[in-house]
Amino acid sequence: MKDPIIEDIHKARAKLSARFGHDVSALGAFLRKEQKKHKGKLVSFAEKRTIIKPA
């Protein structure tokens, strides 16, 4: 069963990703620049987690 709301979210995400050439760093830079225009935070960064590869 398809959920139309989830499908809309996926379409919006794909459109946003394409706008920045599927470059997460470029998207992050854009969001940080936009954040400076607003008092409240638009983006917050969690602590970096260490990825442990299985042996």
C-alpha atoms as a PDB file:
ATOM      1  CA  MET A   1       0.000   0.000   0.000  1.00  0.00           C
ATOM      2  CA  LYS A   2       1.460   3.330  -1.070  1.00  0.00           C
ATOM      3  CA  ASP A   3       1.209   6.329   1.208  1.00  0.00           C
ATOM      4  CA  PRO A   4       0.711   9.560  -0.777  1.00  0.00           C
ATOM      5  CA  ILE A   5       2.318  11.681   1.949  1.00  0.00           C
ATOM      6  CA  ILE A   6       5.462   9.540   1.944  1.00  0.00           C
ATOM      7  CA  GLU A   7       5.548   9.673  -1.856  1.00  0.00           C
ATOM      8  CA  ASP A   8       5.361  13.489  -1.715  1.00  0.00           C
ATOM      9  CA  ILE A   9       8.228  13.559   0.783  1.00  0.00           C
ATOM     10  CA  HIS A  10      10.332  11.332  -1.484  1.00  0.00           C
ATOM     11  CA  LYS A  11       9.601  13.573  -4.491  1.00  0.00           C
ATOM     12  CA  ALA A  12      10.516  16.721  -2.536  1.00  0.00           C
ATOM     13  CA  ARG A  13      13.729  15.116  -1.298  1.00  0.00           C
ATOM     14  CA  ALA A  14      14.705  14.039  -4.827  1.00  0.00           C
ATOM     15  CA  LYS A  15      13.996  17.538  -6.174  1.00  0.00           C
ATOM     16  CA  LEU A  16      16.074  19.189  -3.435  1.00  0.00           C
ATOM     17  CA  SER A  17      18.903  16.716  -3.926  1.00  0.00           C
ATOM     18  CA  ALA A  18      18.926  17.349  -7.685  1.00  0.00           C
ATOM     19  CA  ARG A  19      18.975  21.125  -7.096  1.00  0.00           C
ATOM     20  CA  PHE A  20      22.395  20.723  -5.443  1.00  0.00           C
ATOM     21  CA  GLY A  21      23.742  18.105  -7.835  1.00  0.00           C
ATOM     22  CA  HIS A  22      23.170  15.374  -5.223  1.00  0.00           C
ATOM     23  CA  ASP A  23      25.988  16.950  -3.194  1.00  0.00           C
ATOM     24  CA  VAL A  24      25.229  16.795   0.528  1.00  0.00           C
ATOM     25  CA  SER A  25      27.997  19.289   1.319  1.00  0.00           C
ATOM     26  CA  ALA A  26      26.524  21.837  -1.106  1.00  0.00           C
ATOM     27  CA  LEU A  27      23.081  21.381   0.444  1.00  0.00           C
ATOM     28  CA  GLY A  28      24.554  21.821   3.934  1.00  0.00           C
ATOM     29  CA  ALA A  29      26.390  24.991   2.864  1.00  0.00           C
ATOM     30  CA  PHE A  30      23.162  26.400   1.421  1.00  0.00           C
ATOM     31  CA  LEU A  31      21.230  25.619   4.609  1.00  0.00           C
ATOM     32  CA  ARG A  32      23.916  27.195   6.814  1.00  0.00           C
ATOM     33  CA  LYS A  33      23.819  30.333   4.637  1.00  0.00           C
ATOM     34  CA  GLU A  34      20.013  30.452   4.912  1.00  0.00           C
ATOM     35  CA  GLN A  35      20.238  29.893   8.661  1.00  0.00           C
ATOM     36  CA  LYS A  36      22.227  33.126   9.046  1.00  0.00           C
ATOM     37  CA  LYS A  37      19.195  35.013   7.692  1.00  0.00           C
ATOM     38  CA  HIS A  38      17.005  33.761  10.548  1.00  0.00           C
ATOM     39  CA  LYS A  39      17.192  34.167  14.311  1.00  0.00           C
ATOM     40  CA  GLY A  40      16.340  30.550  15.122  1.00  0.00           C
ATOM     41  CA  LYS A  41      18.318  27.578  13.927  1.00  0.00           C
ATOM     42  CA  LEU A  42      17.239  25.825  10.751  1.00  0.00           C
ATOM     43  CA  VAL A  43      19.948  23.176  10.927  1.00  0.00           C
ATOM     44  CA  SER A  44      21.555  21.605  13.955  1.00  0.00           C
ATOM     45  CA  PHE A  45      24.431  19.224  13.799  1.00  0.00           C
ATOM     46  CA  ALA A  46      24.572  16.221  16.053  1.00  0.00           C
ATOM     47  CA  GLU A  47      27.847  14.995  17.443  1.00  0.00           C
ATOM     48  CA  LYS A  48      29.790  12.952  14.937  1.00  0.00           C
ATOM     49  CA  ARG A  49      29.565   9.260  15.652  1.00  0.00           C
ATOM     50  CA  THR A  50      32.385   6.838  15.062  1.00  0.00           C
ATOM     51  CA  ILE A  51      31.477   4.024  12.711  1.00  0.00           C
ATOM     52  CA  ILE A  52      32.989   0.741  13.798  1.00  0.00           C
ATOM     53  CA  LYS A  53      33.459  -1.732  10.979  1.00  0.00           C
ATOM     54  CA  PRO A  54      32.768  -5.370  11.812  1.00  0.00           C
ATOM     55  CA  ALA A  55      35.865  -7.538  12.089  1.00  0.00           C
END
